[in-house]
Protein backbone atom coordinates (compact mmCIF):
# COMPACT_ATOMS: atom_id res chain seq x y z
CA UNK A 1 15.75 63.59 24.83
CA UNK A 2 17.54 60.29 24.23
CA UNK A 3 20.97 59.32 25.48
CA UNK A 4 23.89 58.90 23.08
CA UNK A 5 26.53 57.48 25.44
CA UNK A 6 27.15 54.00 26.80
CA UNK A 7 26.36 53.36 30.47
CA UNK A 8 29.25 54.23 32.76
CA UNK A 9 32.06 51.67 32.80
CA UNK A 10 30.84 49.72 29.76
CA UNK A 11 31.16 49.76 25.99
CA UNK A 12 28.24 50.26 23.65
CA UNK A 13 28.07 46.71 22.26
CA UNK A 14 27.89 43.39 24.07
CA UNK A 15 28.96 40.60 21.68
CA UNK A 16 27.88 37.02 22.35
CA UNK A 17 29.25 33.93 20.61
CA UNK A 18 28.04 30.39 21.22
CA UNK A 19 28.97 26.86 20.22
CA UNK A 20 26.44 24.06 20.68
CA UNK A 21 26.34 20.44 19.56
CA UNK A 22 22.96 19.08 18.48
CA UNK A 23 22.20 15.45 17.72
CA UNK A 24 19.35 14.19 15.48
CA UNK A 25 17.18 17.32 15.63
CA UNK A 26 15.19 19.48 13.20
CA UNK A 27 14.66 22.89 14.86
CA UNK A 28 13.82 24.68 11.61
CA UNK A 29 12.62 23.52 8.18
CA UNK A 30 12.13 24.94 4.70
CA UNK A 31 8.88 24.89 2.72
CA UNK A 32 9.47 21.23 1.83
CA UNK A 33 10.07 20.12 5.40
CA UNK A 34 13.80 19.73 4.83
CA UNK A 35 16.62 21.19 6.95
CA UNK A 36 17.86 24.61 5.91
CA UNK A 37 21.44 24.92 4.68
CA UNK A 38 23.98 27.37 3.29
CA UNK A 39 27.24 26.99 1.38
CA UNK A 40 30.18 28.52 3.22
CA UNK A 41 33.87 27.96 2.71
CA UNK A 42 33.09 25.81 -0.30
CA UNK A 43 31.04 23.25 1.67
CA UNK A 44 27.39 22.88 2.58
CA UNK A 45 26.50 23.63 6.21
CA UNK A 46 23.32 23.11 8.19
CA UNK A 47 21.68 26.40 9.20
CA UNK A 48 19.29 27.48 11.94
CA UNK A 49 17.83 30.83 10.99
CA UNK A 50 18.12 33.87 13.20
CA UNK A 51 14.32 34.30 12.98
CA UNK A 52 13.79 30.94 14.69
CA UNK A 53 16.32 31.76 17.40
CA UNK A 54 15.02 35.30 17.99
CA UNK A 55 11.44 34.12 18.44
CA UNK A 56 12.59 31.43 20.88
CA UNK A 57 14.53 34.04 22.86
CA UNK A 58 11.69 36.56 22.81
CA UNK A 59 9.07 34.05 23.96
CA UNK A 60 11.45 32.72 26.63
CA UNK A 61 11.92 36.26 27.97
CA UNK A 62 8.18 37.03 27.86
CA UNK A 63 7.17 33.81 29.59
CA UNK A 64 9.67 34.32 32.41
CA UNK A 65 8.57 37.93 32.91
CA UNK A 66 4.89 36.94 32.98
CA UNK A 67 5.65 34.15 35.45
CA UNK A 68 7.47 36.55 37.78
CA UNK A 69 10.87 34.96 37.12
CA UNK A 70 14.17 36.65 36.36
CA UNK A 71 15.33 40.24 36.04
CA UNK A 72 12.26 41.32 34.05
CA UNK A 73 9.72 39.76 36.43
CA UNK A 74 6.40 41.58 36.19
CA UNK A 75 7.51 44.00 33.46
CA UNK A 76 5.45 44.69 30.35
CA UNK A 77 6.13 42.56 27.28
CA UNK A 78 4.68 42.34 23.78
CA UNK A 79 2.56 39.96 21.72
CA UNK A 80 2.98 39.52 17.97
CA UNK A 81 -0.31 38.46 16.39
CA UNK A 82 -2.94 39.11 13.71
CA UNK A 83 -5.73 38.65 16.27
CA UNK A 84 -5.95 42.09 17.88
CA UNK A 85 -9.61 42.52 16.87
CA UNK A 86 -10.47 39.16 18.45
CA UNK A 87 -8.44 39.96 21.57
CA UNK A 88 -10.13 43.37 21.89
CA UNK A 89 -13.56 41.85 21.26
CA UNK A 90 -12.97 39.23 23.93
CA UNK A 91 -12.00 41.94 26.42
CA UNK A 92 -15.14 43.92 25.55
CA UNK A 93 -17.32 40.84 26.10
CA UNK A 94 -15.60 39.35 29.15
CA UNK A 95 -14.70 42.53 31.02
CA UNK A 96 -17.32 45.04 29.87
CA UNK A 97 -20.31 42.80 29.19
CA UNK A 98 -20.77 43.45 25.47
CA UNK A 99 -22.44 40.93 23.19
CA UNK A 100 -19.56 38.93 21.71
CA UNK A 101 -20.52 39.33 18.04
CA UNK A 102 -21.05 43.07 18.41
CA UNK A 103 -17.82 43.36 20.35
CA UNK A 104 -15.74 41.72 17.61
CA UNK A 105 -17.46 43.71 14.83
CA UNK A 106 -16.87 46.97 16.65
CA UNK A 107 -13.26 46.13 17.54
CA UNK A 108 -12.48 45.22 13.95
CA UNK A 109 -14.09 48.42 12.63
CA UNK A 110 -12.16 50.61 15.10
CA UNK A 111 -8.78 48.96 14.40
CA UNK A 112 -9.40 48.92 10.64
CA UNK A 113 -10.36 52.60 10.59
CA UNK A 114 -7.11 53.35 12.42
CA UNK A 115 -5.24 52.09 9.36
CA UNK A 116 -4.75 48.33 9.58
CA UNK A 117 -6.02 46.14 6.74
CA UNK A 118 -8.04 42.99 7.45
CA UNK A 119 -8.76 39.79 5.57
CA UNK A 120 -11.72 39.21 3.26
CA UNK A 121 -14.96 39.72 5.28
CA UNK A 122 -16.58 36.86 3.32
CA UNK A 123 -14.01 34.36 4.61
CA UNK A 124 -14.67 33.54 8.26
CA UNK A 125 -11.16 32.21 8.88
CA UNK A 126 -9.47 35.54 8.08
CA UNK A 127 -12.28 38.11 8.32
CA UNK A 128 -11.18 39.34 11.77
CA UNK A 129 -7.44 38.92 11.28
CA UNK A 130 -5.15 41.74 10.23
CA UNK A 131 -3.20 41.08 7.05
CA UNK A 132 0.11 41.61 8.84
CA UNK A 133 1.42 40.50 12.20
CA UNK A 134 1.46 43.37 14.66
CA UNK A 135 3.91 43.36 17.57
CA UNK A 136 2.33 45.46 20.34
CA UNK A 137 2.20 45.47 24.16
CA UNK A 138 0.24 42.49 25.45
CA UNK A 139 -2.34 44.73 27.15
CA UNK A 140 -3.14 46.66 23.94
CA UNK A 141 -6.44 44.81 23.40
CA UNK A 142 -7.61 45.49 26.95
CA UNK A 143 -6.73 49.18 26.61
CA UNK A 144 -8.60 49.54 23.32
CA UNK A 145 -11.60 47.71 24.79
CA UNK A 146 -11.65 50.01 27.84
CA UNK A 147 -11.71 53.09 25.60
CA UNK A 148 -14.45 51.67 23.37
CA UNK A 149 -16.61 50.88 26.38
CA UNK A 150 -16.00 54.30 27.90
CA UNK A 151 -17.10 55.96 24.63
CA UNK A 152 -19.74 53.33 23.83
CA UNK A 153 -22.51 55.70 22.70
CA UNK A 154 -20.37 57.63 20.24
CA UNK A 155 -18.48 54.56 18.95
CA UNK A 156 -21.62 52.44 18.50
CA UNK A 157 -23.16 55.23 16.42
CA UNK A 158 -19.98 55.60 14.36
CA UNK A 159 -19.60 51.83 13.92
CA UNK A 160 -23.16 51.54 12.60
CA UNK A 161 -22.44 54.17 9.94
CA UNK A 162 -19.03 52.68 9.13
CA UNK A 163 -20.24 49.09 8.74
CA UNK A 164 -23.29 50.22 6.77
CA UNK A 165 -21.15 52.18 4.34
CA UNK A 166 -18.81 49.21 3.98
CA UNK A 167 -21.70 46.85 3.22
CA UNK A 168 -23.17 49.23 0.66
CA UNK A 169 -19.80 49.61 -1.07
CA UNK A 170 -19.27 45.84 -1.12
CA UNK A 171 -22.75 45.27 -2.60
CA UNK A 172 -22.10 47.89 -5.26
CA UNK A 173 -18.77 46.32 -6.11
CA UNK A 174 -20.30 42.85 -6.30
CA UNK A 175 -23.01 44.10 -8.66
CA UNK A 176 -20.50 45.81 -10.89
CA UNK A 177 -18.26 42.76 -10.87
CA UNK A 178 -21.03 40.43 -12.07
CA UNK A 179 -21.50 42.53 -15.21
CA UNK A 180 -17.90 41.92 -16.24
CA UNK A 181 -17.77 38.28 -15.13
CA UNK A 182 -18.79 36.91 -18.52
CA UNK A 183 -15.58 38.22 -20.05
CA UNK A 184 -13.28 37.57 -17.12
CA UNK A 185 -14.01 35.58 -13.94
CA UNK A 186 -11.74 37.79 -11.83
CA UNK A 187 -13.46 41.22 -11.96
CA UNK A 188 -16.17 40.34 -9.44
CA UNK A 189 -13.68 39.96 -6.65
CA UNK A 190 -11.63 42.92 -7.88
CA UNK A 191 -14.77 45.03 -8.17
CA UNK A 192 -15.75 44.37 -4.54
CA UNK A 193 -12.29 45.23 -3.25
CA UNK A 194 -12.06 48.33 -5.40
CA UNK A 195 -15.48 49.62 -4.37
CA UNK A 196 -14.73 49.08 -0.70
CA UNK A 197 -11.42 50.89 -1.05
CA UNK A 198 -13.02 53.84 -2.89
CA UNK A 199 -15.99 54.11 -0.51
CA UNK A 200 -16.21 57.25 1.59
CA UNK A 201 -16.30 55.68 5.03
CA UNK A 202 -16.92 57.87 8.08
CA UNK A 203 -13.69 58.81 9.82
CA UNK A 204 -12.93 57.32 13.21
CA UNK A 205 -13.37 59.91 16.00
CA UNK A 206 -10.02 61.58 16.64
CA UNK A 207 -9.96 60.69 20.34
CA UNK A 208 -10.56 57.01 19.57
CA UNK A 209 -7.86 56.89 16.92
CA UNK A 210 -5.44 58.49 19.36
CA UNK A 211 -6.39 55.92 22.02
CA UNK A 212 -5.80 53.02 19.61
CA UNK A 213 -2.43 54.40 18.51
CA UNK A 214 -1.41 54.84 22.14
CA UNK A 215 -2.44 51.27 22.96
CA UNK A 216 -0.53 49.87 19.98
CA UNK A 217 2.57 52.02 20.55
CA UNK A 218 5.62 50.17 21.92
CA UNK A 219 5.33 51.92 25.29
CA UNK A 220 7.27 50.05 28.01
CA UNK A 221 7.23 46.60 26.36
CA UNK A 222 10.81 45.47 26.94
CA UNK A 223 10.94 42.89 24.17
CA UNK A 224 9.83 45.44 21.56
CA UNK A 225 12.70 47.69 22.65
CA UNK A 226 15.05 44.69 22.36
CA UNK A 227 13.91 43.11 19.10
CA UNK A 228 12.19 46.03 17.38
CA UNK A 229 9.14 46.13 15.15
CA UNK A 230 8.15 47.40 11.72
CA UNK A 231 4.62 48.58 10.94
CA UNK A 232 4.23 50.18 7.52
CA UNK A 233 0.42 50.34 7.39
CA UNK A 234 0.04 53.11 10.00
CA UNK A 235 2.46 55.90 9.21
CA UNK A 236 2.05 57.66 12.56
CA UNK A 237 2.51 54.51 14.67
CA UNK A 238 6.19 54.36 15.64
CA UNK A 239 8.50 51.71 14.29
CA UNK A 240 11.33 50.52 16.52
CA UNK A 241 14.85 49.74 15.36
CA UNK A 242 15.74 46.77 17.59
CA UNK A 243 18.74 46.79 19.91
CA UNK A 244 19.55 43.12 19.20
CA UNK A 245 21.35 41.85 16.11
CA UNK A 246 21.31 38.09 15.46
CA UNK A 247 23.14 35.94 12.94
CA UNK A 248 22.07 32.65 11.42
CA UNK A 249 23.65 29.67 13.18
CA UNK A 250 25.65 27.28 10.99
CA UNK A 251 27.65 24.10 11.47
CA UNK A 252 31.39 24.55 11.83
CA UNK A 253 31.91 21.45 9.69
CA UNK A 254 30.38 20.04 6.52
CA UNK A 255 26.69 19.18 6.81
CA UNK A 256 25.50 15.61 7.07
CA UNK A 257 21.77 14.94 6.77
CA UNK A 258 19.94 11.76 7.74
CA UNK A 259 16.59 10.82 6.22
CA UNK A 260 15.08 8.78 8.99
CA UNK A 261 12.48 6.20 7.93
CA UNK A 262 9.78 5.78 10.54
CA UNK A 263 6.87 3.38 10.96
CA UNK A 264 3.99 4.37 13.24
CA UNK A 265 2.08 1.54 14.83
CA UNK A 266 -1.72 1.25 14.77
CA UNK A 267 -2.63 0.11 18.29
CA UNK A 268 -6.00 -1.36 17.29
CA UNK A 269 -4.46 -3.43 14.47
CA UNK A 270 -1.71 -4.75 16.71
CA UNK A 271 -4.18 -5.68 19.43
CA UNK A 272 -6.25 -7.68 16.93
CA UNK A 273 -3.14 -9.35 15.53
CA UNK A 274 -1.98 -10.29 19.02
CA UNK A 275 -5.30 -11.96 19.76
CA UNK A 276 -5.87 -13.52 16.31
CA UNK A 277 -7.09 -17.14 16.33
CA UNK A 278 -5.26 -18.20 13.16
CA UNK A 279 -2.58 -16.96 10.76
CA UNK A 280 -5.11 -15.68 8.21
CA UNK A 281 -6.60 -13.28 10.74
CA UNK A 282 -3.10 -12.20 11.73
CA UNK A 283 -2.13 -11.56 8.09
CA UNK A 284 -5.06 -9.18 7.64
CA UNK A 285 -3.58 -6.89 10.26
CA UNK A 286 0.03 -7.01 9.09
CA UNK A 287 1.99 -3.85 8.35
CA UNK A 288 2.50 -0.48 10.00
CA UNK A 289 -0.28 2.04 10.49
CA UNK A 290 1.74 4.77 8.74
CA UNK A 291 5.24 5.11 7.31
CA UNK A 292 7.30 8.04 6.13
CA UNK A 293 10.60 9.88 6.26
CA UNK A 294 11.80 12.79 8.36
CA UNK A 295 15.07 14.64 7.90
CA UNK A 296 17.31 15.07 10.94
CA UNK A 297 20.52 17.02 11.38
CA UNK A 298 23.49 16.62 13.67
CA UNK A 299 26.39 18.97 14.19
CA UNK A 300 28.23 21.63 16.15
CA UNK A 301 26.81 25.08 15.43
CA UNK A 302 28.27 28.55 15.80
CA UNK A 303 25.89 31.44 16.43
CA UNK A 304 26.32 35.08 17.30
CA UNK A 305 24.27 37.97 18.63
CA UNK A 306 25.04 41.49 19.78
CA UNK A 307 23.23 43.93 22.05
CA UNK A 308 23.44 47.66 21.37
CA UNK A 309 23.17 49.16 24.85
CA UNK A 310 22.76 52.72 23.61
CA UNK A 311 19.97 51.74 21.21
CA UNK A 312 18.18 49.85 23.98
CA UNK A 313 18.22 52.88 26.27
CA UNK A 314 17.16 55.19 23.45
CA UNK A 315 14.24 52.91 22.60
CA UNK A 316 13.03 52.90 26.19
CA UNK A 317 13.45 56.68 26.49
CA UNK A 318 11.50 57.16 23.25
CA UNK A 319 8.73 55.00 24.73
CA UNK A 320 8.35 57.45 27.61
CA UNK A 321 10.72 56.27 30.34
CA UNK A 322 12.87 58.69 32.31
CA UNK A 323 16.67 58.35 32.18
CA UNK A 324 16.66 56.50 35.52
CA UNK A 325 13.79 54.19 34.51
CA UNK A 326 15.41 53.41 31.17
CA UNK A 327 18.73 52.63 32.85
CA UNK A 328 17.16 50.28 35.36
CA UNK A 329 15.06 48.53 32.71
CA UNK A 330 18.04 48.24 30.34
CA UNK A 331 20.22 46.53 32.93
CA UNK A 332 17.43 44.04 33.62
CA UNK A 333 16.77 43.53 29.89
CA UNK A 334 20.45 42.86 29.21
CA UNK A 335 20.56 40.19 31.90
CA UNK A 336 17.44 38.48 30.52
CA UNK A 337 18.68 38.75 26.93
CA UNK A 338 21.88 36.93 27.85
CA UNK A 339 19.90 34.28 29.73
CA UNK A 340 17.61 33.76 26.73
CA UNK A 341 20.54 33.61 24.32
CA UNK A 342 22.02 30.78 26.39
CA UNK A 343 18.85 28.89 27.36
CA UNK A 344 16.17 29.41 24.69
CA UNK A 345 15.77 26.95 21.82
CA UNK A 346 13.28 26.67 18.91
CA UNK A 347 10.53 24.19 19.76
CA UNK A 348 10.05 22.44 16.40
CA UNK A 349 10.09 18.65 16.88
CA UNK A 350 10.81 19.17 20.56
CA UNK A 351 8.81 16.12 21.69
CA UNK A 352 10.29 13.70 19.18
CA UNK A 353 13.90 14.93 19.46
CA UNK A 354 14.16 16.49 22.97
CA UNK A 355 16.07 19.33 21.31
CA UNK A 356 15.10 21.99 23.86
CA UNK A 357 17.20 20.24 26.50
CA UNK A 358 20.42 21.19 24.71
CA UNK A 359 23.04 23.23 26.54
CA UNK A 360 25.86 25.17 24.86
CA UNK A 361 29.38 23.81 24.89
CA UNK A 362 30.78 27.33 25.12
CA UNK A 363 29.51 30.90 25.40
CA UNK A 364 31.92 33.79 24.86
CA UNK A 365 30.91 37.32 25.85
CA UNK A 366 32.84 40.58 25.58
CA UNK A 367 32.28 44.30 25.05
CA UNK A 368 33.46 46.62 22.30
CA UNK A 369 32.78 49.89 20.55
CA UNK A 370 31.37 47.96 17.56
CA UNK A 371 29.95 44.46 16.98
CA UNK A 372 32.37 41.60 16.28
CA UNK A 373 31.24 38.52 14.37
CA UNK A 374 33.64 35.55 14.44
CA UNK A 375 32.05 33.48 11.67
CA UNK A 376 35.32 33.78 9.73
CA UNK A 377 36.95 31.43 12.24
CA UNK A 378 34.98 28.60 10.63
CA UNK A 379 35.25 29.47 6.95
CA UNK A 380 37.48 26.43 6.58
CA UNK A 381 35.28 23.57 7.81
CA UNK A 382 36.56 21.54 10.72
CA UNK A 383 37.94 18.16 9.67
CA UNK A 384 36.78 15.69 12.32
CA UNK A 385 39.28 13.00 11.36
CA UNK A 386 41.66 11.99 14.19
CA UNK A 387 44.72 14.13 14.78
CA UNK A 388 47.06 11.35 13.64
CA UNK A 389 45.25 11.35 10.29
CA UNK A 390 45.60 15.06 9.72
CA UNK A 391 42.23 16.07 11.15
CA UNK A 392 41.26 18.25 14.12
CA UNK A 393 39.32 15.64 16.08
CA UNK A 394 35.72 16.04 17.33
CA UNK A 395 34.10 19.30 16.22
CA UNK A 396 33.13 20.53 19.70
CA UNK A 397 36.62 20.85 21.25
CA UNK A 398 38.16 21.82 17.89
CA UNK A 399 35.63 24.66 17.48
CA UNK A 400 36.36 25.93 21.01
CA UNK A 401 40.08 26.09 20.23
CA UNK A 402 39.44 27.92 16.96
CA UNK A 403 36.99 30.41 18.43
CA UNK A 404 39.17 31.37 21.40
CA UNK A 405 42.30 31.54 19.24
CA UNK A 406 40.42 33.84 16.86
CA UNK A 407 39.21 36.01 19.75
CA UNK A 408 42.69 36.33 21.27
CA UNK A 409 44.14 37.27 17.89
CA UNK A 410 41.50 39.94 17.19
CA UNK A 411 41.66 41.30 20.76
CA UNK A 412 45.37 42.07 20.41
CA UNK A 413 44.60 44.25 17.38
CA UNK A 414 41.40 45.93 18.56
CA UNK A 415 42.03 47.94 21.76
CA UNK A 416 38.31 48.61 22.30
CA UNK A 417 37.58 44.92 23.00
CA UNK A 418 37.24 44.34 26.74
CA UNK A 419 38.49 41.15 28.37
CA UNK A 420 36.04 38.37 27.59
CA UNK A 421 34.15 35.88 29.75
CA UNK A 422 33.46 32.25 28.86
CA UNK A 423 30.87 29.82 30.19
CA UNK A 424 30.69 26.09 29.52
CA UNK A 425 28.27 23.35 30.49
CA UNK A 426 30.54 20.59 29.18
CA UNK A 427 33.07 19.08 31.63
CA UNK A 428 35.39 18.08 28.76
CA UNK A 429 35.40 21.65 27.47
CA UNK A 430 36.01 22.90 31.01
CA UNK A 431 39.11 20.72 31.22
CA UNK A 432 40.20 21.97 27.80
CA UNK A 433 39.85 25.60 28.90
CA UNK A 434 42.24 24.96 31.78
CA UNK A 435 44.94 23.92 29.29
CA UNK A 436 44.55 26.86 26.90
CA UNK A 437 46.69 29.94 27.33
CA UNK A 438 46.14 33.52 26.23
CA UNK A 439 42.46 33.10 25.31
CA UNK A 440 41.54 36.67 26.12
CA UNK A 441 38.73 35.40 28.35
CA UNK A 442 38.03 34.37 31.94
CA UNK A 443 35.84 31.41 32.89
CA UNK A 444 32.60 32.11 34.77
CA UNK A 445 30.04 29.75 36.29
CA UNK A 446 26.70 31.25 35.29
CA UNK A 447 24.97 33.15 32.50
CA UNK A 448 24.49 36.09 34.87
CA UNK A 449 28.27 36.56 35.04
CA UNK A 450 28.58 36.90 31.26
CA UNK A 451 27.39 40.50 31.37
CA UNK A 452 29.24 43.25 33.17
């Protein structure tokens, strides 16, 4: 039975709001390598997608847990990958002594017969990859491998029949496809796929299918309970409605993009030029080794996320935890989620822009009986012209004033909103906070203090 009430002394939703200023970075790109943007309030804004932020937060949480750091130290986490057959095969070979090729073939057959589709067997790059990413507990491959090894005699016999039937169906499809190839070059490939799909393959032993489903189930993986997962291919493998909602981050002012021209030096050419005996030799080695453009963005971004405490506890209870275990794990997960929201950053271009060293100018946290998104505070873009010219000044301090004014205004009209907490890593913003009155929030000194 799952719980339907918030933990004692708290509200169901923890809302987080963050302002951060980024300079000359490119944390997320579109298919053309350009920064992503949206139009809001009649002006174009830079955008960092919620998908990029969520993955950064999830990986940050997983890495800390695996390293024995933080509130989730040592707890189970998940891995999202298409390589479960390869991971299982590696476990069979390394831990149980199977031949590596046989191990991968068997692992793929078992996982495929459970219901997951794989890439084209004729293409080595995708043959052993599932067609969709599967988010499952990190030890799922080891668990499947242990079961396969324990039932090796039965599964080897089944796998031989299964792979043989697959090969026969593929050969039949290929033969049928060649007959139609003269009229249309596509039927050969379609014929193979259709024959394989229609083939009567031997069913996976019930105990093995149950073992695979158990291994792939969310179980006690904390990040699956937080961020959820969707798996349509296996109807009886549970999906998880995540407890975390995340918005896209956007600049609080109009976007300004810079196309940075770069020239990469060729060390060997420059060394020859430096040691050339005359100007003709030097001229041969003139010019850069490579040139190009990269787009960079700068701005102050607003982003928002919310944690549903009831959903988190329900997810953990549904995965098999007792009420007490779910409560303990949820408190720890909330603390790590807040830490990741504050500290994690997408790693694109991290070496050339040092973007992952950014710290937020302000984090606002509060509780309520529903989520509260304050994006409306920035519908009118901030005008960074000086105050004496009718502007609001630099975007960072101006955004802090707007956000806290918006929060105080909403708080007076929504009695379910608990008193907020604010954290800053910017000494100028800290001084500003001391001058503001009636913000509806109290300053704290660490991310741990942002959650009740």
